[in-house]
PDB file of N, CA and C in Angstrom:
ATOM      1  N   MET A   1      54.614 -90.057-119.428  1.00  0.00           N
ATOM      2  CA  MET A   1      55.090 -91.224-119.820  1.00  0.00           C
ATOM      3  C   MET A   1      54.943 -91.764-121.169  1.00  0.00           C
ATOM      4  N   SER A   2      54.995 -92.148-122.779  1.00  0.00           N
ATOM      5  CA  SER A   2      53.880 -92.720-123.127  1.00  0.00           C
ATOM      6  C   SER A   2      54.124 -94.190-122.422  1.00  0.00           C
ATOM      7  N   HIS A   3      53.386 -95.330-123.154  1.00  0.00           N
ATOM      8  CA  HIS A   3      52.943 -96.773-123.555  1.00  0.00           C
ATOM      9  C   HIS A   3      54.597 -97.337-124.234  1.00  0.00           C
ATOM     10  N   PRO A   4      54.563 -98.335-123.593  1.00  0.00           N
ATOM     11  CA  PRO A   4      55.316 -99.019-124.412  1.00  0.00           C
ATOM     12  C   PRO A   4      54.682 -99.250-125.156  1.00  0.00           C
ATOM     13  N   LYS A   5      55.531-100.064-126.860  1.00  0.00           N
ATOM     14  CA  LYS A   5      54.622 -99.895-127.971  1.00  0.00           C
ATOM     15  C   LYS A   5      55.563-101.543-128.471  1.00  0.00           C
ATOM     16  N   THR A   6      57.496-101.008-128.092  1.00  0.00           N
ATOM     17  CA  THR A   6      58.139-103.229-128.572  1.00  0.00           C
ATOM     18  C   THR A   6      58.455-103.701-127.640  1.00  0.00           C
ATOM     19  N   CYS A   7      59.107-104.387-127.672  1.00  0.00           N
ATOM     20  CA  CYS A   7      60.118-105.293-126.469  1.00  0.00           C
ATOM     21  C   CYS A   7      61.004-104.164-125.946  1.00  0.00           C
ATOM     22  N   GLN A   8      61.343-104.223-126.636  1.00  0.00           N
ATOM     23  CA  GLN A   8      63.147-103.377-126.334  1.00  0.00           C
ATOM     24  C   GLN A   8      62.902-102.156-125.849  1.00  0.00           C
ATOM     25  N   GLU A   9      61.318-101.470-125.589  1.00  0.00           N
ATOM     26  CA  GLU A   9      60.880-100.640-125.125  1.00  0.00           C
ATOM     27  C   GLU A   9      60.276-100.933-123.655  1.00  0.00           C
ATOM     28  N   CYS A  10      59.947-102.712-123.206  1.00  0.00           N
ATOM     29  CA  CYS A  10      59.268-102.882-122.215  1.00  0.00           C
ATOM     30  C   CYS A  10      60.720-103.336-121.320  1.00  0.00           C
ATOM     31  N   LEU A  11      61.739-102.967-121.898  1.00  0.00           N
ATOM     32  CA  LEU A  11      62.609-104.197-121.315  1.00  0.00           C
ATOM     33  C   LEU A  11      63.466-102.849-120.649  1.00  0.00           C
ATOM     34  N   ASP A  12      63.300-101.840-121.613  1.00  0.00           N
ATOM     35  CA  ASP A  12      64.845-101.024-121.267  1.00  0.00           C
ATOM     36  C   ASP A  12      63.794-100.208-119.913  1.00  0.00           C
ATOM     37  N   LEU A  13      62.655-100.383-119.399  1.00  0.00           N
ATOM     38  CA  LEU A  13      61.977-100.789-118.217  1.00  0.00           C
ATOM     39  C   LEU A  13      62.825-101.246-117.631  1.00  0.00           C
ATOM     40  N   LEU A  14      62.754-102.298-117.685  1.00  0.00           N
ATOM     41  CA  LEU A  14      62.653-103.623-116.438  1.00  0.00           C
ATOM     42  C   LEU A  14      63.432-103.188-115.102  1.00  0.00           C
ATOM     43  N   THR A  15      63.981-102.526-115.076  1.00  0.00           N
ATOM     44  CA  THR A  15      64.664-102.472-113.926  1.00  0.00           C
ATOM     45  C   THR A  15      64.373-101.786-112.201  1.00  0.00           C
ATOM     46  N   ASP A  16      63.444 -99.982-113.500  1.00  0.00           N
ATOM     47  CA  ASP A  16      62.348-100.030-112.957  1.00  0.00           C
ATOM     48  C   ASP A  16      60.999-100.854-112.223  1.00  0.00           C
ATOM     49  N   TYR A  17      60.527-101.463-113.620  1.00  0.00           N
ATOM     50  CA  TYR A  17      59.382-102.187-112.918  1.00  0.00           C
ATOM     51  C   TYR A  17      59.770-103.567-111.739  1.00  0.00           C
ATOM     52  N   VAL A  18      60.796-103.924-112.277  1.00  0.00           N
ATOM     53  CA  VAL A  18      61.072-105.157-110.937  1.00  0.00           C
ATOM     54  C   VAL A  18      61.587-104.676-109.496  1.00  0.00           C
ATOM     55  N   ASP A  19      61.836-102.879-110.073  1.00  0.00           N
ATOM     56  CA  ASP A  19      61.697-102.553-108.155  1.00  0.00           C
ATOM     57  C   ASP A  19      60.446-101.601-107.352  1.00  0.00           C
ATOM     58  N   GLY A  20      59.930-101.769-108.967  1.00  0.00           N
ATOM     59  CA  GLY A  20      58.050-101.710-107.372  1.00  0.00           C
ATOM     60  C   GLY A  20      58.478 -99.951-108.320  1.00  0.00           C
ATOM     61  N   GLU A  21      59.112 -99.466-109.410  1.00  0.00           N
ATOM     62  CA  GLU A  21      58.870 -98.129-109.279  1.00  0.00           C
ATOM     63  C   GLU A  21      58.522 -96.783-109.966  1.00  0.00           C
ATOM     64  N   LEU A  22      57.451 -98.096-111.334  1.00  0.00           N
ATOM     65  CA  LEU A  22      56.764 -97.807-112.271  1.00  0.00           C
ATOM     66  C   LEU A  22      55.289 -97.228-111.443  1.00  0.00           C
ATOM     67  N   PRO A  23      55.202 -95.849-112.636  1.00  0.00           N
ATOM     68  CA  PRO A  23      53.310 -95.743-112.209  1.00  0.00           C
ATOM     69  C   PRO A  23      52.454 -97.309-112.213  1.00  0.00           C
ATOM     70  N   SER A  24      51.366 -97.251-111.518  1.00  0.00           N
ATOM     71  CA  SER A  24      50.603 -97.905-111.885  1.00  0.00           C
ATOM     72  C   SER A  24      50.148 -99.033-113.659  1.00  0.00           C
ATOM     73  N   ASP A  25      49.990 -97.293-114.333  1.00  0.00           N
ATOM     74  CA  ASP A  25      48.694 -97.512-115.464  1.00  0.00           C
ATOM     75  C   ASP A  25      50.361 -98.469-116.177  1.00  0.00           C
ATOM     76  N   LEU A  26      51.107 -97.484-116.395  1.00  0.00           N
ATOM     77  CA  LEU A  26      52.718 -97.945-116.737  1.00  0.00           C
ATOM     78  C   LEU A  26      53.043-100.531-116.243  1.00  0.00           C
ATOM     79  N   GLN A  27      52.982-100.620-115.326  1.00  0.00           N
ATOM     80  CA  GLN A  27      53.912-101.448-114.904  1.00  0.00           C
ATOM     81  C   GLN A  27      52.286-103.033-114.906  1.00  0.00           C
ATOM     82  N   GLY A  28      50.932-102.604-115.481  1.00  0.00           N
ATOM     83  CA  GLY A  28      49.349-103.203-115.822  1.00  0.00           C
ATOM     84  C   GLY A  28      50.857-102.747-117.734  1.00  0.00           C
ATOM     85  N   ARG A  29      50.521-102.252-117.640  1.00  0.00           N
ATOM     86  CA  ARG A  29      50.608-102.430-119.295  1.00  0.00           C
ATOM     87  C   ARG A  29      52.202-103.241-120.086  1.00  0.00           C
ATOM     88  N   LEU A  30      52.883-103.151-118.117  1.00  0.00           N
ATOM     89  CA  LEU A  30      54.090-103.967-118.819  1.00  0.00           C
ATOM     90  C   LEU A  30      54.217-105.434-118.923  1.00  0.00           C
ATOM     91  N   GLU A  31      52.984-105.662-117.533  1.00  0.00           N
ATOM     92  CA  GLU A  31      53.055-106.760-117.223  1.00  0.00           C
ATOM     93  C   GLU A  31      51.574-107.418-118.242  1.00  0.00           C
ATOM     94  N   GLU A  32      50.972-106.473-119.244  1.00  0.00           N
ATOM     95  CA  GLU A  32      49.929-107.366-119.987  1.00  0.00           C
ATOM     96  C   GLU A  32      51.048-107.796-120.924  1.00  0.00           C
ATOM     97  N   HIS A  33      51.505-107.238-121.981  1.00  0.00           N
ATOM     98  CA  HIS A  33      52.503-107.069-122.383  1.00  0.00           C
ATOM     99  C   HIS A  33      53.703-108.801-121.972  1.00  0.00           C
ATOM    100  N   PHE A  34      53.951-108.532-121.102  1.00  0.00           N
ATOM    101  CA  PHE A  34      54.711-109.772-120.225  1.00  0.00           C
ATOM    102  C   PHE A  34      53.796-110.735-120.619  1.00  0.00           C
ATOM    103  N   GLY A  35      52.305-111.133-120.414  1.00  0.00           N
ATOM    104  CA  GLY A  35      52.283-112.388-120.006  1.00  0.00           C
ATOM    105  C   GLY A  35      51.586-112.561-121.577  1.00  0.00           C
ATOM    106  N   ASP A  36      51.410-111.773-122.845  1.00  0.00           N
ATOM    107  CA  ASP A  36      51.802-111.637-124.045  1.00  0.00           C
ATOM    108  C   ASP A  36      52.703-112.366-124.893  1.00  0.00           C
ATOM    109  N   CYS A  37      54.341-112.260-125.017  1.00  0.00           N
ATOM    110  CA  CYS A  37      54.933-112.499-125.083  1.00  0.00           C
ATOM    111  C   CYS A  37      55.804-113.210-123.675  1.00  0.00           C
ATOM    112  N   GLN A  38      55.605-114.393-124.849  1.00  0.00           N
ATOM    113  CA  GLN A  38      56.645-115.678-123.814  1.00  0.00           C
ATOM    114  C   GLN A  38      58.000-115.034-123.289  1.00  0.00           C
ATOM    115  N   PRO A  39      59.584-115.082-124.940  1.00  0.00           N
ATOM    116  CA  PRO A  39      60.167-114.022-124.495  1.00  0.00           C
ATOM    117  C   PRO A  39      60.401-113.103-123.656  1.00  0.00           C
ATOM    118  N   CYS A  40      59.689-111.827-123.349  1.00  0.00           N
ATOM    119  CA  CYS A  40      59.997-110.980-122.397  1.00  0.00           C
ATOM    120  C   CYS A  40      59.632-111.625-121.449  1.00  0.00           C
ATOM    121  N   GLU A  41      59.077-112.730-121.160  1.00  0.00           N
ATOM    122  CA  GLU A  41      58.719-113.208-119.655  1.00  0.00           C
ATOM    123  C   GLU A  41      59.733-113.843-118.904  1.00  0.00           C
ATOM    124  N   ASP A  42      60.294-114.466-120.595  1.00  0.00           N
ATOM    125  CA  ASP A  42      60.982-115.942-119.675  1.00  0.00           C
ATOM    126  C   ASP A  42      62.696-114.410-119.406  1.00  0.00           C
ATOM    127  N   PHE A  43      62.492-113.512-120.426  1.00  0.00           N
ATOM    128  CA  PHE A  43      63.545-112.722-119.924  1.00  0.00           C
ATOM    129  C   PHE A  43      63.826-112.098-118.094  1.00  0.00           C
ATOM    130  N   VAL A  44      62.489-111.460-117.855  1.00  0.00           N
ATOM    131  CA  VAL A  44      62.434-110.667-117.499  1.00  0.00           C
ATOM    132  C   VAL A  44      61.805-112.400-115.424  1.00  0.00           C
ATOM    133  N   ALA A  45      61.376-113.055-116.198  1.00  0.00           N
ATOM    134  CA  ALA A  45      62.347-114.285-114.555  1.00  0.00           C
ATOM    135  C   ALA A  45      63.909-114.373-114.887  1.00  0.00           C
ATOM    136  N   THR A  46      64.579-114.452-115.603  1.00  0.00           N
ATOM    137  CA  THR A  46      65.716-114.940-115.365  1.00  0.00           C
ATOM    138  C   THR A  46      66.899-113.883-115.058  1.00  0.00           C
ATOM    139  N   TYR A  47      65.796-112.834-115.474  1.00  0.00           N
ATOM    140  CA  TYR A  47      66.582-111.247-114.647  1.00  0.00           C
ATOM    141  C   TYR A  47      65.912-111.242-113.508  1.00  0.00           C
ATOM    142  N   ARG A  48      65.450-110.555-112.750  1.00  0.00           N
ATOM    143  CA  ARG A  48      64.117-111.450-111.036  1.00  0.00           C
ATOM    144  C   ARG A  48      65.524-112.304-110.880  1.00  0.00           C
ATOM    145  N   ALA A  49      65.408-114.324-111.483  1.00  0.00           N
ATOM    146  CA  ALA A  49      66.538-114.463-110.646  1.00  0.00           C
ATOM    147  C   ALA A  49      67.990-114.859-110.726  1.00  0.00           C
ATOM    148  N   THR A  50      68.140-113.717-111.690  1.00  0.00           N
ATOM    149  CA  THR A  50      69.900-112.921-111.318  1.00  0.00           C
ATOM    150  C   THR A  50      70.777-112.260-110.353  1.00  0.00           C
ATOM    151  N   SER A  51      69.176-111.146-110.392  1.00  0.00           N
ATOM    152  CA  SER A  51      69.310-110.225-109.462  1.00  0.00           C
ATOM    153  C   SER A  51      69.453-110.294-108.115  1.00  0.00           C
ATOM    154  N   SER A  52      68.810-111.447-107.440  1.00  0.00           N
ATOM    155  CA  SER A  52      68.684-112.207-106.392  1.00  0.00           C
ATOM    156  C   SER A  52      69.563-113.066-106.041  1.00  0.00           C
ATOM    157  N   VAL A  53      70.425-113.910-107.564  1.00  0.00           N
ATOM    158  CA  VAL A  53      71.377-114.425-106.637  1.00  0.00           C
ATOM    159  C   VAL A  53      72.016-113.424-106.409  1.00  0.00           C
ATOM    160  N   CYS A  54      72.180-112.291-107.167  1.00  0.00           N
ATOM    161  CA  CYS A  54      73.973-111.460-107.197  1.00  0.00           C
ATOM    162  C   CYS A  54      73.818-110.637-105.194  1.00  0.00           C
ATOM    163  N   ARG A  55      72.973-110.578-105.373  1.00  0.00           N
ATOM    164  CA  ARG A  55      72.110-110.060-103.717  1.00  0.00           C
ATOM    165  C   ARG A  55      72.524-110.539-103.217  1.00  0.00           C
ATOM    166  N   LYS A  56      72.480-112.386-103.157  1.00  0.00           N
ATOM    167  CA  LYS A  56      73.084-113.602-101.673  1.00  0.00           C
ATOM    168  C   LYS A  56      73.845-113.808-102.489  1.00  0.00           C
ATOM    169  N   VAL A  57      74.910-113.503-103.501  1.00  0.00           N
ATOM    170  CA  VAL A  57      76.052-113.211-102.746  1.00  0.00           C
ATOM    171  C   VAL A  57      77.341-112.115-103.325  1.00  0.00           C
ATOM    172  N   LEU A  58      76.852-110.936-103.137  1.00  0.00           N
ATOM    173  CA  LEU A  58      77.547-109.834-102.165  1.00  0.00           C
ATOM    174  C   LEU A  58      77.114-109.804-100.834  1.00  0.00           C
ATOM    175  N   ALA A  59      75.796-110.381-100.071  1.00  0.00           N
ATOM    176  CA  ALA A  59      75.700-110.652 -98.386  1.00  0.00           C
ATOM    177  C   ALA A  59      76.839-111.354 -97.923  1.00  0.00           C
ATOM    178  N   ARG A  60      77.336-112.150 -99.009  1.00  0.00           N
ATOM    179  CA  ARG A  60      78.469-113.126 -98.193  1.00  0.00           C
ATOM    180  C   ARG A  60      79.586-112.569 -98.214  1.00  0.00           C
ATOM    181  N   THR A  61      80.097-113.741 -96.844  1.00  0.00           N
ATOM    182  CA  THR A  61      81.727-112.289 -96.574  1.00  0.00           C
ATOM    183  C   THR A  61      82.885-113.876 -97.054  1.00  0.00           C
ATOM    184  N   MET A  62      83.978-112.925 -97.736  1.00  0.00           N
ATOM    185  CA  MET A  62      84.514-113.769 -98.633  1.00  0.00           C
ATOM    186  C   MET A  62      85.302-114.784 -96.788  1.00  0.00           C
ATOM    187  N   PRO A  63      85.377-115.474 -97.037  1.00  0.00           N
ATOM    188  CA  PRO A  63      86.633-116.623 -95.686  1.00  0.00           C
ATOM    189  C   PRO A  63      87.896-115.277 -95.990  1.00  0.00           C
ATOM    190  N   GLU A  64      88.580-115.514 -94.777  1.00  0.00           N
ATOM    191  CA  GLU A  64      90.019-114.885 -95.088  1.00  0.00           C
ATOM    192  C   GLU A  64      90.828-116.349 -95.474  1.00  0.00           C
ATOM    193  N   SER A  65      90.809-117.045 -95.704  1.00  0.00           N
ATOM    194  CA  SER A  65      91.769-117.535 -95.921  1.00  0.00           C
ATOM    195  C   SER A  65      91.446-117.697 -98.272  1.00  0.00           C
ATOM    196  N   VAL A  66      90.618-117.491 -98.171  1.00  0.00           N
ATOM    197  CA  VAL A  66      89.987-117.700 -99.397  1.00  0.00           C
ATOM    198  C   VAL A  66      90.647-115.802 -99.949  1.00  0.00           C
ATOM    199  N   ALA A  67      89.895-115.120 -99.497  1.00  0.00           N
ATOM    200  CA  ALA A  67      91.286-113.451 -99.699  1.00  0.00           C
ATOM    201  C   ALA A  67      92.403-113.869 -99.631  1.00  0.00           C
ATOM    202  N   ALA A  68      92.812-114.124 -98.877  1.00  0.00           N
ATOM    203  CA  ALA A  68      94.222-115.148 -98.671  1.00  0.00           C
ATOM    204  C   ALA A  68      94.882-115.160 -99.800  1.00  0.00           C
ATOM    205  N   ARG A  69      94.781-116.207-100.461  1.00  0.00           N
ATOM    206  CA  ARG A  69      94.717-116.555-101.320  1.00  0.00           C
ATOM    207  C   ARG A  69      94.200-116.529-103.317  1.00  0.00           C
ATOM    208  N   LEU A  70      93.536-115.440-102.804  1.00  0.00           N
ATOM    209  CA  LEU A  70      93.299-114.252-104.276  1.00  0.00           C
ATOM    210  C   LEU A  70      94.053-113.032-103.958  1.00  0.00           C
ATOM    211  N   ARG A  71      94.805-112.823-103.512  1.00  0.00           N
ATOM    212  CA  ARG A  71      95.587-111.926-103.159  1.00  0.00           C
ATOM    213  C   ARG A  71      96.790-112.136-103.942  1.00  0.00           C
ATOM    214  N   SER A  72      96.977-113.246-103.368  1.00  0.00           N
ATOM    215  CA  SER A  72      98.924-114.034-103.696  1.00  0.00           C
ATOM    216  C   SER A  72      98.877-114.014-104.634  1.00  0.00           C
ATOM    217  N   PHE A  73      97.358-114.405-105.413  1.00  0.00           N
ATOM    218  CA  PHE A  73      97.357-114.981-107.068  1.00  0.00           C
ATOM    219  C   PHE A  73      97.496-113.679-107.356  1.00  0.00           C
ATOM    220  N   LEU A  74      96.270-113.232-106.984  1.00  0.00           N
ATOM    221  CA  LEU A  74      96.790-111.339-108.157  1.00  0.00           C
ATOM    222  C   LEU A  74      98.076-110.870-108.383  1.00  0.00           C
ATOM    223  N   ARG A  75      99.020-110.738-107.357  1.00  0.00           N
ATOM    224  CA  ARG A  75      99.972-110.476-106.970  1.00  0.00           C
ATOM    225  C   ARG A  75     100.748-110.742-107.888  1.00  0.00           C
ATOM    226  N   SER A  76     101.045-112.210-108.105  1.00  0.00           N
ATOM    227  CA  SER A  76     101.761-113.176-108.470  1.00  0.00           C
ATOM    228  C   SER A  76     101.009-112.235-110.199  1.00  0.00           C
ATOM    229  N   GLU A  77     100.194-112.852-110.758  1.00  0.00           N
ATOM    230  CA  GLU A  77      99.840-112.352-111.833  1.00  0.00           C
ATOM    231  C   GLU A  77     100.234-110.620-112.887  1.00  0.00           C
ATOM    232  N   ILE A  78     100.076-110.088-110.728  1.00  0.00           N
ATOM    233  CA  ILE A  78     100.585-108.952-111.557  1.00  0.00           C
ATOM    234  C   ILE A  78     102.374-108.643-111.411  1.00  0.00           C
ATOM    235  N   GLU A  79     102.736-108.698-111.571  1.00  0.00           N
ATOM    236  CA  GLU A  79     104.314-109.957-111.250  1.00  0.00           C
ATOM    237  C   GLU A  79     104.329-110.052-112.220  1.00  0.00           C
ATOM    238  N   LYS A  80     104.099-110.816-112.648  1.00  0.00           N
ATOM    239  CA  LYS A  80     104.398-111.618-113.589  1.00  0.00           C
ATOM    240  C   LYS A  80     104.072-110.429-115.372  1.00  0.00           C
ATOM    241  N   ASP A  81     102.938-109.914-114.928  1.00  0.00           N
ATOM    242  CA  ASP A  81     102.947-109.099-116.364  1.00  0.00           C
ATOM    243  C   ASP A  81     104.129-108.100-116.407  1.00  0.00           C
ATOM    244  N   LYS A  82     104.688-107.891-115.545  1.00  0.00           N
ATOM    245  CA  LYS A  82     105.304-106.241-115.343  1.00  0.00           C
ATOM    246  C   LYS A  82     106.614-106.668-115.852  1.00  0.00           C
ATOM    247  N   ALA A  83     106.988-108.415-115.037  1.00  0.00           N
ATOM    248  CA  ALA A  83     108.400-109.175-115.667  1.00  0.00           C
ATOM    249  C   ALA A  83     108.290-108.992-117.330  1.00  0.00           C
ATOM    250  N   SER A  84     107.148-109.453-117.636  1.00  0.00           N
ATOM    251  CA  SER A  84     107.312-109.515-119.309  1.00  0.00           C
ATOM    252  C   SER A  84     107.177-107.860-120.189  1.00  0.00           C
ATOM    253  N   GLY A  85     107.238-107.336-119.181  1.00  0.00           N
ATOM    254  CA  GLY A  85     106.664-106.255-120.539  1.00  0.00           C
ATOM    255  C   GLY A  85     104.963-104.894-120.066  1.00  0.00           C
ATOM    256  N   GLY A  86     104.317-106.103-119.906  1.00  0.00           N
ATOM    257  CA  GLY A  86     102.251-105.908-119.998  1.00  0.00           C
ATOM    258  C   GLY A  86     102.007-105.436-118.997  1.00  0.00           C
TER     259      GLY A  86
END
């Protein structure tokens, strides 16, 4: 794989980078770019934080009372949509 030359090329590799799945030479080149490019560094930090929050949220179980209210609400909205011909 060739070395990334633009921010877009670096960001295209972001998932593999964050997951630690890049060859070490390519990882080093990305880190070099990120160190010299504040917008990319900010994007990587935001991506990591978002990914972490999503994993935490997905690991939680919705309380049954909330799930029941959500089901009821969704059924009501579906029925409204059907009644209005949508």
